[in-house]
Amino acid sequence: MKAGEKDIAAGIEISSEDQRNIDIDRFRYAAKATTDVLRDWDIVTGILFWGDSFETKYGYQINEASKQLAFWEAHIHPEDHDRVMGIVHSVINDPSLDYWNVEYRLLTVPDTYIYVIDKSFLIRDINGKAIRAVGALHDNTDIVNYQKKLIALNATLEKRAKELAHSNAELERFAYVASHDLQEPLRMVSGFLELLAKKYSPQLDETALKYINFAVDGAVRMKRLITDLLEYSQLGKGSFITEVVDLSGVLEQVERVYRSDIQSLKVKITKNNLPKIVANRDQMLQLFQNLVGNAIKYRRPGIDPQIRISAELIGQNYQFAVSDNGIGLDMKFANKIFIIFQRLHAKEEYPGTGIGLAICNKIVKQHHGNLWVDAGLDKGSTFYFTIPNNLELIQNEGN
């Protein structure tokens, strides 16, 4: 409604001065209702009208000095001043634009710069000339500081990740060299112990032969440990070649590996819905071989082992399950079993090096999947792992 016209609802006529007072009251109440600093800039006179939070937020008094345009400009950071005023004046002088939204640093009391987002809307006359700019300055300092900390943290994390990757690479190289170089002297120790037992057994008493057997057994276990460590350190080195792998064929090969145990222990293996996936075939063979071998090793005495292997497509991933009816485990150790050299049982109870599941975990991670277990004591175990359904075929050695 234009000034001087009747307010039909109220039945009264509003003068220009009254309308002005109504606008001022609206501005004051709006200023009290927000933590942002409201500003009404009379572009014609250059006078700024600040909301009450101008004093509480910025520490300046609302007086004749602070109402001057020069006051606002003088408190914009020198590095931001030209950019900000350039944007403001370009918006004011372009009749097709009706607001600006700009971020800059503003000096507050006592001599502290804060980051503000200044969003102001223009009021133009009938000729399109800007006569007022009404808006708010929002304190964005906390968010800017948080973003800076986040950027610094990301930079630190990237640096640590690179250092960790370098450290892991060095550890893998050390594991390979140590494992490779230890095998030859170990073969010599084992070989000479066997020769000693064979050639001088008639001259040795029972205790001496027992000691030799202990030493040979230790050498055999050390050889197995070195072989597994070498296998773990080499996993993922060189080219990662993928192809379409028929997992039914992989499981048939695994069953051939364990044919003797399957027959003697009456192991029953059932397979359901095994798909063809894009993966590294050798690693899939190793993965299933380790999981099936684990299920056979940790069987419950007096119960025929049953192993169930299944798969289902969930979203973009195949989820596999290898279940057994073995001794199971306490779920408080569920994460420990995937760490290299971690064992839940003494080697006298169950032979092994504690590397098998660590190798499985490394294989699954290399295929961008996850491996976990669900189990209970004397209730069997189910090992789950995922393999994405969209892995890329990589057949070029150079890739």
Protein backbone atom coordinates (compact mmCIF):
# COMPACT_ATOMS: atom_id res chain seq x y z
CA MET A 1 0.00 0.00 0.00
CA LYS A 2 1.39 3.42 -0.91
CA ALA A 3 1.88 6.08 1.75
CA GLY A 4 -1.12 8.37 2.09
CA GLU A 5 -3.61 5.66 1.04
CA LYS A 6 -6.29 4.23 3.29
CA ASP A 7 -5.69 0.98 5.14
CA ILE A 8 -9.04 -0.66 4.29
CA ALA A 9 -8.76 -3.20 7.12
CA ALA A 10 -8.04 -0.53 9.72
CA GLY A 11 -10.12 2.20 8.08
CA ILE A 12 -7.38 4.80 8.58
CA GLU A 13 -5.10 6.78 6.34
CA ILE A 14 -1.32 6.28 6.74
CA SER A 15 1.01 9.19 6.06
CA SER A 16 4.52 8.90 4.64
CA GLU A 17 5.98 9.71 8.04
CA ASP A 18 3.84 7.08 9.74
CA GLN A 19 4.88 4.52 7.17
CA ARG A 20 8.49 5.43 7.81
CA ASN A 21 8.02 4.93 11.55
CA ILE A 22 6.35 1.56 10.94
CA ASP A 23 9.32 0.47 8.82
CA ILE A 24 11.74 1.59 11.55
CA ASP A 25 9.80 -0.33 14.21
CA ARG A 26 9.81 -3.45 12.05
CA PHE A 27 13.57 -3.12 11.60
CA ARG A 28 14.13 -2.70 15.36
CA TYR A 29 12.04 -5.72 16.29
CA ALA A 30 13.65 -7.86 13.60
CA ALA A 31 17.06 -6.75 14.90
CA LYS A 32 16.16 -7.91 18.41
CA ALA A 33 14.96 -11.29 17.16
CA THR A 34 18.24 -12.36 15.53
CA THR A 35 21.86 -12.78 16.54
CA ASP A 36 22.91 -11.51 13.11
CA VAL A 37 23.75 -7.82 12.75
CA LEU A 38 21.05 -6.12 10.69
CA ARG A 39 21.93 -3.12 8.54
CA ASP A 40 19.75 -0.70 6.58
CA TRP A 41 21.83 1.42 4.25
CA ASP A 42 20.29 4.57 2.84
CA ILE A 43 22.28 4.66 -0.37
CA VAL A 44 21.09 8.18 -1.26
CA THR A 45 22.35 9.79 1.96
CA GLY A 46 25.07 7.26 2.74
CA ILE A 47 23.67 6.73 6.25
CA LEU A 48 23.74 3.25 7.83
CA PHE A 49 21.15 2.13 10.37
CA TRP A 50 22.47 -0.75 12.51
CA GLY A 51 20.51 -3.23 14.59
CA ASP A 52 21.08 -3.48 18.36
CA SER A 53 23.43 -6.49 17.94
CA PHE A 54 25.91 -4.15 16.21
CA GLU A 55 27.02 -3.09 19.67
CA THR A 56 26.85 -6.46 21.40
CA LYS A 57 28.49 -8.44 18.57
CA TYR A 58 31.10 -5.97 17.29
CA GLY A 59 31.69 -3.80 20.35
CA TYR A 60 31.08 -0.45 18.65
CA GLN A 61 28.57 2.16 19.74
CA ILE A 62 25.77 3.18 17.41
CA ASN A 63 26.44 6.88 16.92
CA GLU A 64 26.89 9.43 14.17
CA ALA A 65 30.38 8.10 13.33
CA SER A 66 29.37 4.46 13.01
CA LYS A 67 26.38 5.38 10.86
CA GLN A 68 28.66 6.74 8.15
CA LEU A 69 29.44 4.57 5.11
CA ALA A 70 33.13 5.36 5.59
CA PHE A 71 33.03 3.65 9.00
CA TRP A 72 31.91 0.34 7.50
CA GLU A 73 34.42 0.54 4.65
CA ALA A 74 37.28 1.39 7.02
CA HIS A 75 36.65 -1.76 9.07
CA ILE A 76 36.73 -4.20 6.14
CA HIS A 77 40.06 -6.01 6.04
CA PRO A 78 42.45 -4.21 3.63
CA GLU A 79 42.96 -7.42 1.64
CA ASP A 80 39.19 -7.82 1.21
CA HIS A 81 38.16 -4.17 0.77
CA ASP A 82 38.50 -3.69 -3.00
CA ARG A 83 36.89 -7.05 -3.76
CA VAL A 84 33.92 -6.42 -1.47
CA MET A 85 33.22 -2.84 -2.53
CA GLY A 86 33.67 -3.83 -6.16
CA ILE A 87 30.94 -6.44 -5.81
CA VAL A 88 28.67 -4.06 -3.86
CA HIS A 89 28.94 -1.24 -6.39
CA SER A 90 28.57 -3.55 -9.39
CA VAL A 91 25.30 -4.87 -7.91
CA ILE A 92 24.08 -1.36 -7.08
CA ASN A 93 24.77 -0.14 -10.61
CA ASP A 94 23.19 -3.12 -12.38
CA PRO A 95 19.36 -2.77 -12.42
CA SER A 96 19.00 -6.48 -13.20
CA LEU A 97 20.51 -7.44 -9.82
CA ASP A 98 18.72 -7.14 -6.51
CA TYR A 99 21.13 -8.52 -3.88
CA TRP A 100 24.74 -9.34 -3.03
CA ASN A 101 26.15 -12.16 -0.96
CA VAL A 102 29.81 -11.73 -0.07
CA GLU A 103 32.16 -13.03 2.63
CA TYR A 104 34.94 -10.94 4.13
CA ARG A 105 36.84 -10.12 7.29
CA LEU A 106 35.52 -7.32 9.49
CA LEU A 107 37.41 -5.59 12.31
CA THR A 108 35.69 -5.70 15.70
CA VAL A 109 36.59 -4.55 19.22
CA PRO A 110 39.25 -5.16 20.44
CA ASP A 111 41.19 -5.26 17.14
CA THR A 112 39.92 -8.69 16.15
CA TYR A 113 38.91 -9.69 12.66
CA ILE A 114 35.94 -11.98 12.26
CA TYR A 115 34.57 -13.60 9.10
CA VAL A 116 31.14 -12.34 8.11
CA ILE A 117 28.72 -13.29 5.36
CA ASP A 118 27.08 -10.07 4.17
CA LYS A 119 23.80 -10.66 2.37
CA SER A 120 21.84 -7.54 1.45
CA PHE A 121 18.81 -6.91 -0.73
CA LEU A 122 18.32 -3.72 -2.76
CA ILE A 123 15.30 -1.46 -2.93
CA ARG A 124 15.12 0.50 -6.20
CA ASP A 125 12.97 3.41 -7.28
CA ILE A 126 10.69 3.32 -10.31
CA ASN A 127 13.67 4.13 -12.52
CA GLY A 128 15.67 1.16 -11.25
CA LYS A 129 18.07 3.26 -9.19
CA ALA A 130 19.18 1.65 -5.93
CA ILE A 131 18.08 3.74 -2.97
CA ARG A 132 18.36 1.31 -0.04
CA ALA A 133 20.15 -1.89 0.85
CA VAL A 134 18.68 -3.91 3.71
CA GLY A 135 20.44 -7.00 4.93
CA ALA A 136 22.31 -8.86 7.64
CA LEU A 137 25.91 -9.68 8.53
CA HIS A 138 26.24 -13.24 9.78
CA ASP A 139 29.28 -14.22 11.87
CA ASN A 140 30.85 -17.15 10.06
CA THR A 141 34.11 -17.21 12.04
CA ASP A 142 33.55 -20.54 13.79
CA ILE A 143 32.78 -22.33 10.53
CA VAL A 144 35.78 -20.77 8.74
CA ASN A 145 38.10 -21.69 11.63
CA TYR A 146 36.65 -25.21 11.66
CA GLN A 147 37.24 -25.51 7.92
CA LYS A 148 40.84 -24.34 8.37
CA LYS A 149 41.39 -26.90 11.12
CA LEU A 150 39.80 -29.57 8.94
CA ILE A 151 42.08 -28.68 6.03
CA ALA A 152 45.11 -28.76 8.33
CA LEU A 153 43.99 -32.08 9.80
CA ASN A 154 43.47 -33.56 6.32
CA ALA A 155 46.95 -32.41 5.33
CA THR A 156 48.37 -34.04 8.46
CA LEU A 157 46.43 -37.24 7.81
CA GLU A 158 47.63 -37.35 4.20
CA LYS A 159 51.20 -36.90 5.38
CA ARG A 160 50.78 -39.64 8.00
CA ALA A 161 49.14 -41.92 5.43
CA LYS A 162 52.11 -41.47 3.09
CA GLU A 163 54.53 -42.12 5.93
CA LEU A 164 52.55 -45.20 6.95
CA ALA A 165 52.44 -46.49 3.37
CA HIS A 166 56.20 -45.98 3.11
CA SER A 167 56.72 -47.72 6.46
CA ASN A 168 54.48 -50.63 5.42
CA ALA A 169 56.37 -50.98 2.15
CA GLU A 170 59.66 -51.10 4.04
CA LEU A 171 58.27 -53.68 6.46
CA GLU A 172 57.05 -55.82 3.57
CA ARG A 173 60.45 -55.59 1.90
CA PHE A 174 62.10 -56.54 5.18
CA ALA A 175 59.70 -59.46 5.65
CA TYR A 176 60.45 -60.69 2.14
CA VAL A 177 64.22 -60.41 2.48
CA ALA A 178 64.25 -61.91 5.97
CA SER A 179 61.96 -64.78 4.96
CA HIS A 180 63.87 -65.51 1.78
CA ASP A 181 67.31 -65.36 3.41
CA LEU A 182 66.29 -67.44 6.44
CA GLN A 183 65.13 -70.40 4.40
CA GLU A 184 68.58 -71.61 3.31
CA PRO A 185 70.21 -71.81 6.78
CA LEU A 186 67.00 -73.36 8.12
CA ARG A 187 67.15 -76.07 5.46
CA MET A 188 70.73 -76.75 6.50
CA VAL A 189 69.79 -77.04 10.18
CA SER A 190 66.87 -79.32 9.44
CA GLY A 191 68.88 -81.45 7.00
CA PHE A 192 71.83 -81.94 9.37
CA LEU A 193 69.53 -82.81 12.27
CA GLU A 194 67.85 -85.50 10.16
CA LEU A 195 71.26 -86.84 9.08
CA LEU A 196 72.39 -86.86 12.71
CA ALA A 197 69.34 -88.86 13.77
CA LYS A 198 69.68 -91.28 10.85
CA LYS A 199 73.44 -91.94 11.16
CA TYR A 200 73.92 -91.93 14.92
CA SER A 201 70.57 -93.14 16.24
CA PRO A 202 72.07 -96.49 17.42
CA GLN A 203 74.56 -94.56 19.57
CA LEU A 204 72.05 -92.10 21.01
CA ASP A 205 69.83 -92.71 23.99
CA GLU A 206 66.10 -92.02 24.08
CA THR A 207 66.55 -88.53 25.53
CA ALA A 208 68.98 -87.46 22.80
CA LEU A 209 66.63 -88.72 20.08
CA LYS A 210 63.76 -86.84 21.74
CA TYR A 211 65.80 -83.62 21.68
CA ILE A 212 66.59 -84.13 18.00
CA ASN A 213 62.91 -84.67 17.25
CA PHE A 214 62.06 -81.44 19.12
CA ALA A 215 64.65 -79.58 17.09
CA VAL A 216 63.41 -81.04 13.78
CA ASP A 217 59.80 -80.20 14.70
CA GLY A 218 60.86 -76.64 15.55
CA ALA A 219 62.66 -76.33 12.22
CA VAL A 220 59.59 -77.61 10.36
CA ARG A 221 57.34 -75.10 12.14
CA MET A 222 59.83 -72.33 11.49
CA LYS A 223 59.90 -73.23 7.81
CA ARG A 224 56.10 -73.09 7.68
CA LEU A 225 56.12 -69.73 9.43
CA ILE A 226 58.71 -68.33 7.04
CA THR A 227 56.79 -69.63 4.03
CA ASP A 228 53.55 -68.03 5.27
CA LEU A 229 55.32 -64.77 6.09
CA LEU A 230 56.87 -64.72 2.64
CA GLU A 231 53.45 -65.36 1.12
CA TYR A 232 51.89 -62.56 3.19
CA SER A 233 54.62 -60.04 2.30
CA GLN A 234 54.36 -60.85 -1.40
CA LEU A 235 50.57 -60.58 -1.51
CA GLY A 236 49.62 -57.58 -3.59
CA LYS A 237 53.07 -57.00 -5.03
CA GLY A 238 53.41 -56.62 -8.77
CA SER A 239 50.50 -56.42 -11.18
CA PHE A 240 47.00 -57.04 -9.91
CA ILE A 241 45.42 -59.04 -12.71
CA THR A 242 41.68 -59.67 -12.66
CA GLU A 243 39.51 -61.86 -14.83
CA VAL A 244 36.08 -63.44 -14.81
CA VAL A 245 36.39 -66.15 -12.16
CA ASP A 246 33.94 -69.04 -11.87
CA LEU A 247 33.87 -69.63 -8.12
CA SER A 248 32.27 -73.04 -8.52
CA GLY A 249 35.44 -74.11 -10.33
CA VAL A 250 37.57 -72.52 -7.61
CA LEU A 251 35.74 -74.52 -4.92
CA GLU A 252 36.20 -77.74 -6.91
CA GLN A 253 39.93 -77.07 -6.88
CA VAL A 254 39.84 -76.40 -3.12
CA GLU A 255 38.05 -79.71 -2.58
CA ARG A 256 40.80 -81.51 -4.50
CA VAL A 257 43.41 -79.92 -2.22
CA TYR A 258 41.61 -81.22 0.88
CA ARG A 259 40.40 -84.51 -0.66
CA SER A 260 42.25 -86.66 1.86
CA ASP A 261 40.88 -84.76 4.89
CA ILE A 262 37.38 -84.63 3.40
CA GLN A 263 37.32 -88.40 3.00
CA SER A 264 38.96 -89.33 6.31
CA LEU A 265 37.05 -86.83 8.44
CA LYS A 266 33.73 -87.23 6.55
CA VAL A 267 33.59 -83.51 5.75
CA LYS A 268 30.43 -82.41 3.97
CA ILE A 269 30.71 -79.28 1.83
CA THR A 270 27.61 -77.67 0.32
CA LYS A 271 27.72 -74.78 -2.14
CA ASN A 272 24.86 -72.47 -3.10
CA ASN A 273 24.56 -69.71 -5.69
CA LEU A 274 28.26 -69.27 -6.32
CA PRO A 275 28.56 -66.65 -9.08
CA LYS A 276 31.14 -65.70 -11.63
CA ILE A 277 32.89 -62.54 -10.50
CA VAL A 278 35.69 -60.28 -11.67
CA ALA A 279 38.63 -60.96 -9.34
CA ASN A 280 42.17 -62.25 -9.13
CA ARG A 281 41.76 -65.99 -9.58
CA ASP A 282 44.85 -67.08 -7.62
CA GLN A 283 43.84 -64.94 -4.68
CA MET A 284 40.27 -66.26 -4.73
CA LEU A 285 41.67 -69.78 -4.64
CA GLN A 286 43.89 -68.86 -1.71
CA LEU A 287 41.04 -67.12 0.11
CA PHE A 288 38.60 -70.04 -0.10
CA GLN A 289 41.38 -72.55 0.56
CA ASN A 290 42.29 -70.77 3.82
CA LEU A 291 38.68 -70.44 4.97
CA VAL A 292 37.78 -74.05 4.17
CA GLY A 293 41.05 -75.22 5.75
CA ASN A 294 40.18 -73.27 8.90
CA ALA A 295 36.74 -74.87 9.04
CA ILE A 296 38.30 -78.34 8.80
CA LYS A 297 41.05 -77.57 11.34
CA TYR A 298 38.76 -76.14 14.01
CA ARG A 299 36.19 -78.94 13.89
CA ARG A 300 34.43 -80.23 16.99
CA PRO A 301 35.56 -83.68 18.15
CA GLY A 302 33.08 -86.45 17.48
CA ILE A 303 30.99 -84.40 15.02
CA ASP A 304 31.25 -84.74 11.24
CA PRO A 305 32.36 -81.33 9.90
CA GLN A 306 29.80 -79.51 7.77
CA ILE A 307 30.81 -76.51 5.68
CA ARG A 308 28.29 -74.35 3.84
CA ILE A 309 29.41 -71.82 1.24
CA SER A 310 26.91 -69.36 -0.24
CA ALA A 311 26.69 -65.98 -1.95
CA GLU A 312 24.07 -63.33 -2.58
CA LEU A 313 24.11 -60.03 -4.43
CA ILE A 314 23.37 -57.16 -2.04
CA GLY A 315 23.37 -53.78 -3.77
CA GLN A 316 26.67 -53.41 -5.60
CA ASN A 317 28.45 -56.18 -3.65
CA TYR A 318 28.44 -59.95 -3.54
CA GLN A 319 28.33 -61.11 0.06
CA PHE A 320 29.84 -64.54 0.66
CA ALA A 321 29.41 -66.74 3.72
CA VAL A 322 31.58 -69.70 4.73
CA SER A 323 29.86 -71.43 7.67
CA ASP A 324 30.90 -74.42 9.75
CA ASN A 325 29.73 -76.41 12.79
CA GLY A 326 33.11 -76.31 14.51
CA ILE A 327 34.34 -75.06 17.87
CA GLY A 328 33.51 -71.41 17.08
CA LEU A 329 35.02 -68.59 19.12
CA ASP A 330 34.23 -65.90 21.66
CA MET A 331 33.15 -62.77 19.75
CA LYS A 332 35.31 -60.57 21.99
CA PHE A 333 38.23 -61.95 19.96
CA ALA A 334 36.47 -61.38 16.61
CA ASN A 335 38.87 -58.65 15.46
CA LYS A 336 42.01 -60.23 16.90
CA ILE A 337 41.89 -63.26 14.62
CA PHE A 338 42.52 -61.16 11.47
CA ILE A 339 45.78 -59.72 12.82
CA ILE A 340 48.97 -61.39 11.68
CA PHE A 341 50.49 -63.88 14.18
CA GLN A 342 47.43 -63.65 16.48
CA ARG A 343 46.27 -67.04 17.73
CA LEU A 344 43.48 -68.06 20.11
CA HIS A 345 44.80 -71.56 20.72
CA ALA A 346 48.15 -73.10 21.61
CA LYS A 347 50.08 -74.59 18.71
CA GLU A 348 49.91 -77.97 20.49
CA GLU A 349 46.11 -77.90 20.17
CA TYR A 350 45.87 -76.60 16.63
CA PRO A 351 48.91 -76.28 14.36
CA GLY A 352 49.41 -73.14 12.32
CA THR A 353 51.24 -69.84 12.17
CA GLY A 354 48.45 -67.32 12.77
CA ILE A 355 48.85 -65.82 9.30
CA GLY A 356 46.08 -67.55 7.34
CA LEU A 357 43.20 -65.21 8.25
CA ALA A 358 45.49 -62.18 7.95
CA ILE A 359 46.15 -63.27 4.37
CA CYS A 360 42.39 -63.65 3.80
CA ASN A 361 41.80 -60.15 5.13
CA LYS A 362 44.53 -58.72 2.92
CA ILE A 363 43.08 -60.42 -0.16
CA VAL A 364 39.57 -59.11 0.52
CA LYS A 365 40.87 -55.58 1.18
CA GLN A 366 42.79 -55.68 -2.09
CA HIS A 367 39.48 -56.47 -3.80
CA HIS A 368 37.88 -53.42 -2.07
CA GLY A 369 35.76 -55.62 0.20
CA ASN A 370 35.37 -56.37 3.91
CA LEU A 371 35.86 -59.54 5.95
CA TRP A 372 34.22 -60.29 9.32
CA VAL A 373 33.07 -63.22 11.45
CA ASP A 374 29.96 -64.18 13.38
CA ALA A 375 30.47 -67.03 15.84
CA GLY A 376 29.82 -68.47 19.27
CA LEU A 377 31.69 -70.95 21.46
CA ASP A 378 30.81 -74.49 20.36
CA LYS A 379 28.29 -73.02 17.91
CA GLY A 380 30.41 -72.86 14.80
CA SER A 381 31.58 -69.84 12.83
CA THR A 382 30.47 -67.97 9.75
CA PHE A 383 33.03 -65.91 7.91
CA TYR A 384 31.48 -63.22 5.73
CA PHE A 385 33.25 -61.21 3.08
CA THR A 386 32.21 -58.89 0.27
CA ILE A 387 33.53 -58.44 -3.24
CA PRO A 388 32.23 -55.54 -5.37
CA ASN A 389 30.26 -56.56 -8.46
CA ASN A 390 31.83 -53.80 -10.55
CA LEU A 391 35.55 -54.54 -10.33
CA GLU A 392 37.47 -53.65 -13.47
CA LEU A 393 38.93 -56.30 -15.74
CA ILE A 394 42.71 -55.83 -15.63
CA GLN A 395 44.53 -58.13 -18.01
CA ASN A 396 47.44 -55.92 -19.04
CA GLU A 397 50.61 -56.63 -17.02
CA GLY A 398 51.51 -52.95 -17.36
CA ASN A 399 48.43 -51.91 -15.38
